[in-house]
């Protein structure tokens, strides 16, 4: 499995978990990016992904009360990625609001 394929899989797994937990139109307006990918000395992977929401209200829905939604998404995605890659995965998810473009 090449690193590019692994990166794509990591994005798809996290997106799938987001779709499982967030309903309505919100998942379709949120941008999702792989920010960092490192293989650590112990053989594990450190994967950082960001969700960028157009509005603060959409960010709050994705984060959930006290981070419960994004936490659940992260836990489930991490478990699936460990199973697929057969190694420890340190998955970090961050949810931000898109910067407003000045016109």
PDB file of N, CA and C in Angstrom:
ATOM      1  N   UNK A   1       0.847  -1.173   0.000  1.00  0.00           N
ATOM      2  CA  UNK A   1       0.000   0.000   0.000  1.00  0.00           C
ATOM      3  C   UNK A   1       0.897   1.243   0.000  1.00  0.00           C
ATOM      4  N   UNK A   2       0.721   2.109  -0.964  1.00  0.00           N
ATOM      5  CA  UNK A   2       1.553   3.310  -1.016  1.00  0.00           C
ATOM      6  C   UNK A   2       1.055   4.340  -0.007  1.00  0.00           C
ATOM      7  N   UNK A   3       1.931   5.281   0.298  1.00  0.00           N
ATOM      8  CA  UNK A   3       1.567   6.326   1.257  1.00  0.00           C
ATOM      9  C   UNK A   3       0.395   7.158   0.741  1.00  0.00           C
ATOM     10  N   UNK A   4       0.357   7.436  -0.561  1.00  0.00           N
ATOM     11  CA  UNK A   4      -0.752   8.234  -1.125  1.00  0.00           C
ATOM     12  C   UNK A   4      -2.084   7.512  -0.958  1.00  0.00           C
ATOM     13  N   UNK A   5      -2.090   6.195  -1.193  1.00  0.00           N
ATOM     14  CA  UNK A   5      -3.306   5.398  -1.013  1.00  0.00           C
ATOM     15  C   UNK A   5      -3.719   5.430   0.459  1.00  0.00           C
ATOM     16  N   UNK A   6      -2.746   5.305   1.353  1.00  0.00           N
ATOM     17  CA  UNK A   6      -3.037   5.335   2.789  1.00  0.00           C
ATOM     18  C   UNK A   6      -3.632   6.689   3.196  1.00  0.00           C
ATOM     19  N   UNK A   7      -3.103   7.769   2.647  1.00  0.00           N
ATOM     20  CA  UNK A   7      -3.628   9.104   2.960  1.00  0.00           C
ATOM     21  C   UNK A   7      -5.077   9.231   2.496  1.00  0.00           C
ATOM     22  N   UNK A   8      -5.347   8.737   1.293  1.00  0.00           N
ATOM     23  CA  UNK A   8      -6.708   8.786   0.759  1.00  0.00           C
ATOM     24  C   UNK A   8      -7.653   7.970   1.629  1.00  0.00           C
ATOM     25  N   UNK A   9      -7.216   6.781   2.016  1.00  0.00           N
ATOM     26  CA  UNK A   9      -8.033   5.927   2.887  1.00  0.00           C
ATOM     27  C   UNK A   9      -8.320   6.641   4.203  1.00  0.00           C
ATOM     28  N   UNK A  10      -7.309   7.288   4.771  1.00  0.00           N
ATOM     29  CA  UNK A  10      -7.514   7.963   6.067  1.00  0.00           C
ATOM     30  C   UNK A  10      -8.568   9.059   5.937  1.00  0.00           C
ATOM     31  N   UNK A  11      -8.534   9.815   4.844  1.00  0.00           N
ATOM     32  CA  UNK A  11      -9.534  10.863   4.623  1.00  0.00           C
ATOM     33  C   UNK A  11     -10.924  10.250   4.439  1.00  0.00           C
ATOM     34  N   UNK A  12     -11.014   9.176   3.670  1.00  0.00           N
ATOM     35  CA  UNK A  12     -12.310   8.547   3.413  1.00  0.00           C
ATOM     36  C   UNK A  12     -12.926   7.955   4.678  1.00  0.00           C
ATOM     37  N   UNK A  13     -12.105   7.330   5.505  1.00  0.00           N
ATOM     38  CA  UNK A  13     -12.610   6.728   6.745  1.00  0.00           C
ATOM     39  C   UNK A  13     -13.152   7.819   7.680  1.00  0.00           C
ATOM     40  N   UNK A  14     -12.404   8.898   7.844  1.00  0.00           N
ATOM     41  CA  UNK A  14     -12.852   9.980   8.728  1.00  0.00           C
ATOM     42  C   UNK A  14     -14.133  10.603   8.173  1.00  0.00           C
ATOM     43  N   UNK A  15     -14.186  10.827   6.855  1.00  0.00           N
ATOM     44  CA  UNK A  15     -15.392  11.412   6.241  1.00  0.00           C
ATOM     45  C   UNK A  15     -16.602  10.501   6.449  1.00  0.00           C
ATOM     46  N   UNK A  16     -16.393   9.193   6.291  1.00  0.00           N
ATOM     47  CA  UNK A  16     -17.474   8.221   6.494  1.00  0.00           C
ATOM     48  C   UNK A  16     -18.012   8.310   7.927  1.00  0.00           C
ATOM     49  N   UNK A  17     -17.120   8.402   8.885  1.00  0.00           N
ATOM     50  CA  UNK A  17     -17.552   8.495  10.289  1.00  0.00           C
ATOM     51  C   UNK A  17     -18.288   9.811  10.538  1.00  0.00           C
ATOM     52  N   UNK A  18     -17.834  10.890   9.891  1.00  0.00           N
ATOM     53  CA  UNK A  18     -18.536  12.163  10.032  1.00  0.00           C
ATOM     54  C   UNK A  18     -19.959  12.025   9.488  1.00  0.00           C
ATOM     55  N   UNK A  19     -20.100  11.389   8.332  1.00  0.00           N
ATOM     56  CA  UNK A  19     -21.430  11.215   7.739  1.00  0.00           C
ATOM     57  C   UNK A  19     -22.332  10.358   8.625  1.00  0.00           C
ATOM     58  N   UNK A  20     -21.740   9.404   9.351  1.00  0.00           N
ATOM     59  CA  UNK A  20     -22.519   8.572  10.278  1.00  0.00           C
ATOM     60  C   UNK A  20     -23.101   9.391  11.432  1.00  0.00           C
ATOM     61  N   UNK A  21     -22.394  10.447  11.834  1.00  0.00           N
ATOM     62  CA  UNK A  21     -22.776  11.193  13.035  1.00  0.00           C
ATOM     63  C   UNK A  21     -23.415  12.548  12.777  1.00  0.00           C
ATOM     64  N   UNK A  22     -23.189  13.119  11.614  1.00  0.00           N
ATOM     65  CA  UNK A  22     -23.708  14.451  11.315  1.00  0.00           C
ATOM     66  C   UNK A  22     -24.698  14.313  10.157  1.00  0.00           C
ATOM     67  N   UNK A  23     -25.881  14.833  10.367  1.00  0.00           N
ATOM     68  CA  UNK A  23     -26.920  14.656   9.358  1.00  0.00           C
ATOM     69  C   UNK A  23     -27.270  15.995   8.707  1.00  0.00           C
ATOM     70  N   UNK A  24     -28.269  15.987   7.882  1.00  0.00           N
ATOM     71  CA  UNK A  24     -28.733  17.141   7.114  1.00  0.00           C
ATOM     72  C   UNK A  24     -27.671  17.544   6.096  1.00  0.00           C
ATOM     73  N   UNK A  25     -27.571  18.838   5.816  1.00  0.00           N
ATOM     74  CA  UNK A  25     -26.676  19.305   4.754  1.00  0.00           C
ATOM     75  C   UNK A  25     -25.263  19.591   5.250  1.00  0.00           C
ATOM     76  N   UNK A  26     -25.052  19.587   6.537  1.00  0.00           N
ATOM     77  CA  UNK A  26     -23.788  20.050   7.105  1.00  0.00           C
ATOM     78  C   UNK A  26     -22.551  19.335   6.556  1.00  0.00           C
ATOM     79  N   UNK A  27     -22.538  18.009   6.447  1.00  0.00           N
ATOM     80  CA  UNK A  27     -21.315  17.371   5.938  1.00  0.00           C
ATOM     81  C   UNK A  27     -20.938  17.814   4.526  1.00  0.00           C
ATOM     82  N   UNK A  28     -21.896  18.271   3.772  1.00  0.00           N
ATOM     83  CA  UNK A  28     -21.629  18.598   2.369  1.00  0.00           C
ATOM     84  C   UNK A  28     -21.061  19.994   2.184  1.00  0.00           C
ATOM     85  N   UNK A  29     -21.130  20.833   3.203  1.00  0.00           N
ATOM     86  CA  UNK A  29     -20.568  22.179   3.093  1.00  0.00           C
ATOM     87  C   UNK A  29     -19.233  22.296   3.834  1.00  0.00           C
ATOM     88  N   UNK A  30     -18.853  21.245   4.516  1.00  0.00           N
ATOM     89  CA  UNK A  30     -17.612  21.273   5.300  1.00  0.00           C
ATOM     90  C   UNK A  30     -16.448  20.770   4.447  1.00  0.00           C
ATOM     91  N   UNK A  31     -15.386  21.557   4.436  1.00  0.00           N
ATOM     92  CA  UNK A  31     -14.171  21.164   3.721  1.00  0.00           C
ATOM     93  C   UNK A  31     -13.350  20.265   4.648  1.00  0.00           C
ATOM     94  N   UNK A  32     -12.686  19.287   4.084  1.00  0.00           N
ATOM     95  CA  UNK A  32     -11.955  18.294   4.879  1.00  0.00           C
ATOM     96  C   UNK A  32     -10.570  18.142   4.269  1.00  0.00           C
ATOM     97  N   UNK A  33      -9.518  18.388   5.074  1.00  0.00           N
ATOM     98  CA  UNK A  33      -8.143  18.364   4.545  1.00  0.00           C
ATOM     99  C   UNK A  33      -7.214  17.523   5.411  1.00  0.00           C
ATOM    100  N   UNK A  34      -6.279  16.880   4.739  1.00  0.00           N
ATOM    101  CA  UNK A  34      -5.180  16.210   5.431  1.00  0.00           C
ATOM    102  C   UNK A  34      -4.093  17.265   5.627  1.00  0.00           C
ATOM    103  N   UNK A  35      -3.751  17.539   6.866  1.00  0.00           N
ATOM    104  CA  UNK A  35      -2.779  18.593   7.165  1.00  0.00           C
ATOM    105  C   UNK A  35      -1.373  18.035   7.412  1.00  0.00           C
ATOM    106  N   UNK A  36      -1.294  16.853   8.015  1.00  0.00           N
ATOM    107  CA  UNK A  36       0.015  16.304   8.356  1.00  0.00           C
ATOM    108  C   UNK A  36      -0.060  14.786   8.368  1.00  0.00           C
ATOM    109  N   UNK A  37       1.027  14.157   7.959  1.00  0.00           N
ATOM    110  CA  UNK A  37       1.133  12.690   7.909  1.00  0.00           C
ATOM    111  C   UNK A  37       2.573  12.343   8.222  1.00  0.00           C
ATOM    112  N   UNK A  38       2.794  11.659   9.331  1.00  0.00           N
ATOM    113  CA  UNK A  38       4.163  11.290   9.706  1.00  0.00           C
ATOM    114  C   UNK A  38       4.202   9.853  10.198  1.00  0.00           C
ATOM    115  N   UNK A  39       5.226   9.160   9.753  1.00  0.00           N
ATOM    116  CA  UNK A  39       5.490   7.845  10.327  1.00  0.00           C
ATOM    117  C   UNK A  39       6.485   8.069  11.458  1.00  0.00           C
ATOM    118  N   UNK A  40       6.108   7.654  12.644  1.00  0.00           N
ATOM    119  CA  UNK A  40       6.950   7.881  13.820  1.00  0.00           C
ATOM    120  C   UNK A  40       7.977   6.762  13.971  1.00  0.00           C
ATOM    121  N   UNK A  41       8.976   7.020  14.808  1.00  0.00           N
ATOM    122  CA  UNK A  41      10.076   6.058  14.998  1.00  0.00           C
ATOM    123  C   UNK A  41       9.593   4.688  15.462  1.00  0.00           C
ATOM    124  N   UNK A  42       8.496   4.668  16.230  1.00  0.00           N
ATOM    125  CA  UNK A  42       7.978   3.390  16.731  1.00  0.00           C
ATOM    126  C   UNK A  42       7.118   2.655  15.695  1.00  0.00           C
ATOM    127  N   UNK A  43       7.008   3.208  14.465  1.00  0.00           N
ATOM    128  CA  UNK A  43       6.241   2.563  13.402  1.00  0.00           C
ATOM    129  C   UNK A  43       4.791   3.016  13.328  1.00  0.00           C
ATOM    130  N   UNK A  44       4.367   3.782  14.318  1.00  0.00           N
ATOM    131  CA  UNK A  44       2.985   4.259  14.302  1.00  0.00           C
ATOM    132  C   UNK A  44       2.853   5.456  13.361  1.00  0.00           C
ATOM    133  N   UNK A  45       1.622   5.826  13.079  1.00  0.00           N
ATOM    134  CA  UNK A  45       1.349   6.969  12.202  1.00  0.00           C
ATOM    135  C   UNK A  45       0.735   8.106  13.000  1.00  0.00           C
ATOM    136  N   UNK A  46       1.145   9.317  12.675  1.00  0.00           N
ATOM    137  CA  UNK A  46       0.517  10.523  13.230  1.00  0.00           C
ATOM    138  C   UNK A  46      -0.191  11.193  12.065  1.00  0.00           C
ATOM    139  N   UNK A  47      -1.514  11.297  12.172  1.00  0.00           N
ATOM    140  CA  UNK A  47      -2.331  11.839  11.090  1.00  0.00           C
ATOM    141  C   UNK A  47      -3.135  13.013  11.635  1.00  0.00           C
ATOM    142  N   UNK A  48      -2.981  14.168  10.995  1.00  0.00           N
ATOM    143  CA  UNK A  48      -3.739  15.347  11.412  1.00  0.00           C
ATOM    144  C   UNK A  48      -4.632  15.778  10.258  1.00  0.00           C
ATOM    145  N   UNK A  49      -5.927  15.904  10.562  1.00  0.00           N
ATOM    146  CA  UNK A  49      -6.896  16.333   9.567  1.00  0.00           C
ATOM    147  C   UNK A  49      -7.709  17.488  10.128  1.00  0.00           C
ATOM    148  N   UNK A  50      -8.079  18.411   9.249  1.00  0.00           N
ATOM    149  CA  UNK A  50      -8.882  19.559   9.654  1.00  0.00           C
ATOM    150  C   UNK A  50     -10.200  19.557   8.895  1.00  0.00           C
ATOM    151  N   UNK A  51     -11.247  19.927   9.604  1.00  0.00           N
ATOM    152  CA  UNK A  51     -12.540  20.213   8.997  1.00  0.00           C
ATOM    153  C   UNK A  51     -12.682  21.725   9.012  1.00  0.00           C
ATOM    154  N   UNK A  52     -13.087  22.305   7.892  1.00  0.00           N
ATOM    155  CA  UNK A  52     -13.268  23.750   7.828  1.00  0.00           C
ATOM    156  C   UNK A  52     -14.732  24.019   7.501  1.00  0.00           C
ATOM    157  N   UNK A  53     -15.432  24.593   8.476  1.00  0.00           N
ATOM    158  CA  UNK A  53     -16.861  24.880   8.332  1.00  0.00           C
ATOM    159  C   UNK A  53     -17.045  26.329   7.880  1.00  0.00           C
ATOM    160  N   UNK A  54     -18.027  26.592   7.003  1.00  0.00           N
ATOM    161  CA  UNK A  54     -18.273  27.965   6.558  1.00  0.00           C
ATOM    162  C   UNK A  54     -18.754  28.879   7.691  1.00  0.00           C
ATOM    163  N   UNK A  55     -19.483  28.322   8.667  1.00  0.00           N
ATOM    164  CA  UNK A  55     -20.070  29.151   9.735  1.00  0.00           C
ATOM    165  C   UNK A  55     -19.780  28.554  11.108  1.00  0.00           C
ATOM    166  N   UNK A  56     -19.748  29.428  12.099  1.00  0.00           N
ATOM    167  CA  UNK A  56     -19.534  29.009  13.488  1.00  0.00           C
ATOM    168  C   UNK A  56     -20.618  28.021  13.930  1.00  0.00           C
ATOM    169  N   UNK A  57     -21.855  28.247  13.518  1.00  0.00           N
ATOM    170  CA  UNK A  57     -22.955  27.358  13.932  1.00  0.00           C
ATOM    171  C   UNK A  57     -22.733  25.932  13.402  1.00  0.00           C
ATOM    172  N   UNK A  58     -22.181  25.815  12.188  1.00  0.00           N
ATOM    173  CA  UNK A  58     -21.896  24.494  11.622  1.00  0.00           C
ATOM    174  C   UNK A  58     -20.726  23.844  12.354  1.00  0.00           C
ATOM    175  N   UNK A  59     -19.754  24.654  12.734  1.00  0.00           N
ATOM    176  CA  UNK A  59     -18.628  24.145  13.512  1.00  0.00           C
ATOM    177  C   UNK A  59     -19.136  23.565  14.834  1.00  0.00           C
ATOM    178  N   UNK A  60     -20.045  24.293  15.489  1.00  0.00           N
ATOM    179  CA  UNK A  60     -20.569  23.844  16.782  1.00  0.00           C
ATOM    180  C   UNK A  60     -21.314  22.517  16.651  1.00  0.00           C
ATOM    181  N   UNK A  61     -22.049  22.348  15.557  1.00  0.00           N
ATOM    182  CA  UNK A  61     -22.767  21.085  15.349  1.00  0.00           C
ATOM    183  C   UNK A  61     -21.770  19.939  15.188  1.00  0.00           C
ATOM    184  N   UNK A  62     -20.715  20.151  14.418  1.00  0.00           N
ATOM    185  CA  UNK A  62     -19.713  19.111  14.188  1.00  0.00           C
ATOM    186  C   UNK A  62     -18.933  18.788  15.462  1.00  0.00           C
ATOM    187  N   UNK A  63     -18.610  19.807  16.236  1.00  0.00           N
ATOM    188  CA  UNK A  63     -17.867  19.579  17.485  1.00  0.00           C
ATOM    189  C   UNK A  63     -18.756  18.868  18.506  1.00  0.00           C
ATOM    190  N   UNK A  64     -20.017  19.296  18.609  1.00  0.00           N
ATOM    191  CA  UNK A  64     -20.932  18.706  19.581  1.00  0.00           C
ATOM    192  C   UNK A  64     -20.703  19.270  20.960  1.00  0.00           C
ATOM    193  N   UNK A  65     -21.606  18.909  21.867  1.00  0.00           N
ATOM    194  CA  UNK A  65     -21.507  19.408  23.236  1.00  0.00           C
ATOM    195  C   UNK A  65     -20.232  18.884  23.887  1.00  0.00           C
ATOM    196  N   UNK A  66     -19.401  19.802  24.352  1.00  0.00           N
ATOM    197  CA  UNK A  66     -18.112  19.470  24.992  1.00  0.00           C
ATOM    198  C   UNK A  66     -17.228  18.574  24.121  1.00  0.00           C
ATOM    199  N   UNK A  67     -17.332  18.737  22.800  1.00  0.00           N
ATOM    200  CA  UNK A  67     -16.488  17.956  21.896  1.00  0.00           C
ATOM    201  C   UNK A  67     -16.946  16.526  21.690  1.00  0.00           C
ATOM    202  N   UNK A  68     -18.157  16.216  22.106  1.00  0.00           N
ATOM    203  CA  UNK A  68     -18.617  14.825  22.071  1.00  0.00           C
ATOM    204  C   UNK A  68     -18.717  14.250  20.658  1.00  0.00           C
ATOM    205  N   UNK A  69     -19.202  15.030  19.699  1.00  0.00           N
ATOM    206  CA  UNK A  69     -19.387  14.511  18.328  1.00  0.00           C
ATOM    207  C   UNK A  69     -18.040  14.269  17.650  1.00  0.00           C
ATOM    208  N   UNK A  70     -17.191  15.291  17.644  1.00  0.00           N
ATOM    209  CA  UNK A  70     -15.900  15.143  16.967  1.00  0.00           C
ATOM    210  C   UNK A  70     -15.057  14.086  17.695  1.00  0.00           C
ATOM    211  N   UNK A  71     -15.214  13.981  18.991  1.00  0.00           N
ATOM    212  CA  UNK A  71     -14.510  12.951  19.764  1.00  0.00           C
ATOM    213  C   UNK A  71     -14.928  11.552  19.351  1.00  0.00           C
ATOM    214  N   UNK A  72     -16.239  11.355  19.211  1.00  0.00           N
ATOM    215  CA  UNK A  72     -16.773  10.054  18.798  1.00  0.00           C
ATOM    216  C   UNK A  72     -16.299   9.712  17.384  1.00  0.00           C
ATOM    217  N   UNK A  73     -16.357  10.698  16.483  1.00  0.00           N
ATOM    218  CA  UNK A  73     -15.894  10.504  15.105  1.00  0.00           C
ATOM    219  C   UNK A  73     -14.419  10.080  15.122  1.00  0.00           C
ATOM    220  N   UNK A  74     -13.609  10.771  15.918  1.00  0.00           N
ATOM    221  CA  UNK A  74     -12.188  10.472  16.012  1.00  0.00           C
ATOM    222  C   UNK A  74     -11.903   9.082  16.546  1.00  0.00           C
ATOM    223  N   UNK A  75     -12.623   8.694  17.580  1.00  0.00           N
ATOM    224  CA  UNK A  75     -12.418   7.365  18.181  1.00  0.00           C
ATOM    225  C   UNK A  75     -12.764   6.262  17.184  1.00  0.00           C
ATOM    226  N   UNK A  76     -13.917   6.393  16.542  1.00  0.00           N
ATOM    227  CA  UNK A  76     -14.344   5.356  15.597  1.00  0.00           C
ATOM    228  C   UNK A  76     -13.424   5.296  14.381  1.00  0.00           C
ATOM    229  N   UNK A  77     -13.025   6.454  13.866  1.00  0.00           N
ATOM    230  CA  UNK A  77     -12.126   6.478  12.705  1.00  0.00           C
ATOM    231  C   UNK A  77     -10.763   5.902  13.080  1.00  0.00           C
ATOM    232  N   UNK A  78     -10.271   6.249  14.267  1.00  0.00           N
ATOM    233  CA  UNK A  78      -8.972   5.754  14.717  1.00  0.00           C
ATOM    234  C   UNK A  78      -8.978   4.227  14.803  1.00  0.00           C
ATOM    235  N   UNK A  79     -10.052   3.658  15.358  1.00  0.00           N
ATOM    236  CA  UNK A  79     -10.149   2.198  15.478  1.00  0.00           C
ATOM    237  C   UNK A  79     -10.126   1.538  14.099  1.00  0.00           C
ATOM    238  N   UNK A  80     -10.871   2.120  13.150  1.00  0.00           N
ATOM    239  CA  UNK A  80     -10.912   1.538  11.802  1.00  0.00           C
ATOM    240  C   UNK A  80      -9.565   1.671  11.098  1.00  0.00           C
ATOM    241  N   UNK A  81      -8.903   2.815  11.256  1.00  0.00           N
ATOM    242  CA  UNK A  81      -7.593   3.011  10.618  1.00  0.00           C
ATOM    243  C   UNK A  81      -6.550   2.053  11.195  1.00  0.00           C
ATOM    244  N   UNK A  82      -6.581   1.829  12.505  1.00  0.00           N
ATOM    245  CA  UNK A  82      -5.654   0.858  13.116  1.00  0.00           C
ATOM    246  C   UNK A  82      -5.865  -0.520  12.514  1.00  0.00           C
ATOM    247  N   UNK A  83      -7.115  -0.882  12.316  1.00  0.00           N
ATOM    248  CA  UNK A  83      -7.447  -2.188  11.759  1.00  0.00           C
ATOM    249  C   UNK A  83      -6.967  -2.296  10.306  1.00  0.00           C
ATOM    250  N   UNK A  84      -7.171  -1.247   9.525  1.00  0.00           N
ATOM    251  CA  UNK A  84      -6.771  -1.262   8.109  1.00  0.00           C
ATOM    252  C   UNK A  84      -5.252  -1.264   7.955  1.00  0.00           C
ATOM    253  N   UNK A  85      -4.570  -0.367   8.700  1.00  0.00           N
ATOM    254  CA  UNK A  85      -3.123  -0.194   8.530  1.00  0.00           C
ATOM    255  C   UNK A  85      -2.300  -1.162   9.375  1.00  0.00           C
ATOM    256  N   UNK A  86      -2.937  -1.883  10.275  1.00  0.00           N
ATOM    257  CA  UNK A  86      -2.254  -2.865  11.137  1.00  0.00           C
ATOM    258  C   UNK A  86      -1.118  -2.234  11.945  1.00  0.00           C
ATOM    259  N   UNK A  87      -1.389  -1.049  12.479  1.00  0.00           N
ATOM    260  CA  UNK A  87      -0.419  -0.362  13.334  1.00  0.00           C
ATOM    261  C   UNK A  87      -1.146   0.717  14.127  1.00  0.00           C
ATOM    262  N   UNK A  88      -0.469   1.240  15.134  1.00  0.00           N
ATOM    263  CA  UNK A  88      -1.066   2.321  15.917  1.00  0.00           C
ATOM    264  C   UNK A  88      -1.195   3.562  15.059  1.00  0.00           C
ATOM    265  N   UNK A  89      -2.295   4.276  15.257  1.00  0.00           N
ATOM    266  CA  UNK A  89      -2.543   5.520  14.542  1.00  0.00           C
ATOM    267  C   UNK A  89      -2.900   6.582  15.580  1.00  0.00           C
ATOM    268  N   UNK A  90      -2.232   7.716  15.486  1.00  0.00           N
ATOM    269  CA  UNK A  90      -2.532   8.860  16.358  1.00  0.00           C
ATOM    270  C   UNK A  90      -3.271   9.861  15.484  1.00  0.00           C
ATOM    271  N   UNK A  91      -4.599   9.824  15.557  1.00  0.00           N
ATOM    272  CA  UNK A  91      -5.433  10.661  14.694  1.00  0.00           C
ATOM    273  C   UNK A  91      -5.823  11.928  15.443  1.00  0.00           C
ATOM    274  N   UNK A  92      -5.521  13.061  14.833  1.00  0.00           N
ATOM    275  CA  UNK A  92      -5.880  14.354  15.411  1.00  0.00           C
ATOM    276  C   UNK A  92      -6.831  15.065  14.474  1.00  0.00           C
ATOM    277  N   UNK A  93      -7.990  15.411  14.993  1.00  0.00           N
ATOM    278  CA  UNK A  93      -8.983  16.121  14.195  1.00  0.00           C
ATOM    279  C   UNK A  93      -9.187  17.506  14.784  1.00  0.00           C
ATOM    280  N   UNK A  94      -9.274  18.483  13.918  1.00  0.00           N
ATOM    281  CA  UNK A  94      -9.519  19.855  14.357  1.00  0.00           C
ATOM    282  C   UNK A  94     -10.643  20.427  13.504  1.00  0.00           C
ATOM    283  N   UNK A  95     -11.508  21.212  14.133  1.00  0.00           N
ATOM    284  CA  UNK A  95     -12.616  21.841  13.416  1.00  0.00           C
ATOM    285  C   UNK A  95     -12.440  23.347  13.506  1.00  0.00           C
ATOM    286  N   UNK A  96     -12.373  23.994  12.338  1.00  0.00           N
ATOM    287  CA  UNK A  96     -12.187  25.442  12.287  1.00  0.00           C
ATOM    288  C   UNK A  96     -13.303  26.072  11.463  1.00  0.00           C
ATOM    289  N   UNK A  97     -13.431  27.377  11.606  1.00  0.00           N
ATOM    290  CA  UNK A  97     -14.348  28.140  10.764  1.00  0.00           C
ATOM    291  C   UNK A  97     -13.517  28.785   9.671  1.00  0.00           C
ATOM    292  N   UNK A  98     -14.025  28.746   8.442  1.00  0.00           N
ATOM    293  CA  UNK A  98     -13.312  29.321   7.309  1.00  0.00           C
ATOM    294  C   UNK A  98     -13.127  30.827   7.526  1.00  0.00           C
ATOM    295  N   UNK A  99     -11.977  31.313   7.123  1.00  0.00           N
ATOM    296  CA  UNK A  99     -11.733  32.755   7.189  1.00  0.00           C
ATOM    297  C   UNK A  99     -12.617  33.436   6.164  1.00  0.00           C
ATOM    298  N   UNK A 100     -13.188  34.542   6.555  1.00  0.00           N
ATOM    299  CA  UNK A 100     -14.027  35.288   5.622  1.00  0.00           C
ATOM    300  C   UNK A 100     -13.145  35.937   4.570  1.00  0.00           C
ATOM    301  N   UNK A 101     -13.577  35.847   3.340  1.00  0.00           N
ATOM    302  CA  UNK A 101     -12.843  36.467   2.240  1.00  0.00           C
ATOM    303  C   UNK A 101     -13.284  37.932   2.138  1.00  0.00           C
ATOM    304  N   UNK A 102     -12.322  38.801   2.047  1.00  0.00           N
ATOM    305  CA  UNK A 102     -12.674  40.206   1.893  1.00  0.00           C
ATOM    306  C   UNK A 102     -12.946  40.497   0.428  1.00  0.00           C
ATOM    307  N   UNK A 103     -13.987  41.291   0.164  1.00  0.00           N
ATOM    308  CA  UNK A 103     -14.366  41.527  -1.224  1.00  0.00           C
ATOM    309  C   UNK A 103     -13.892  42.882  -1.711  1.00  0.00           C
TER     310      UNK A 103
END
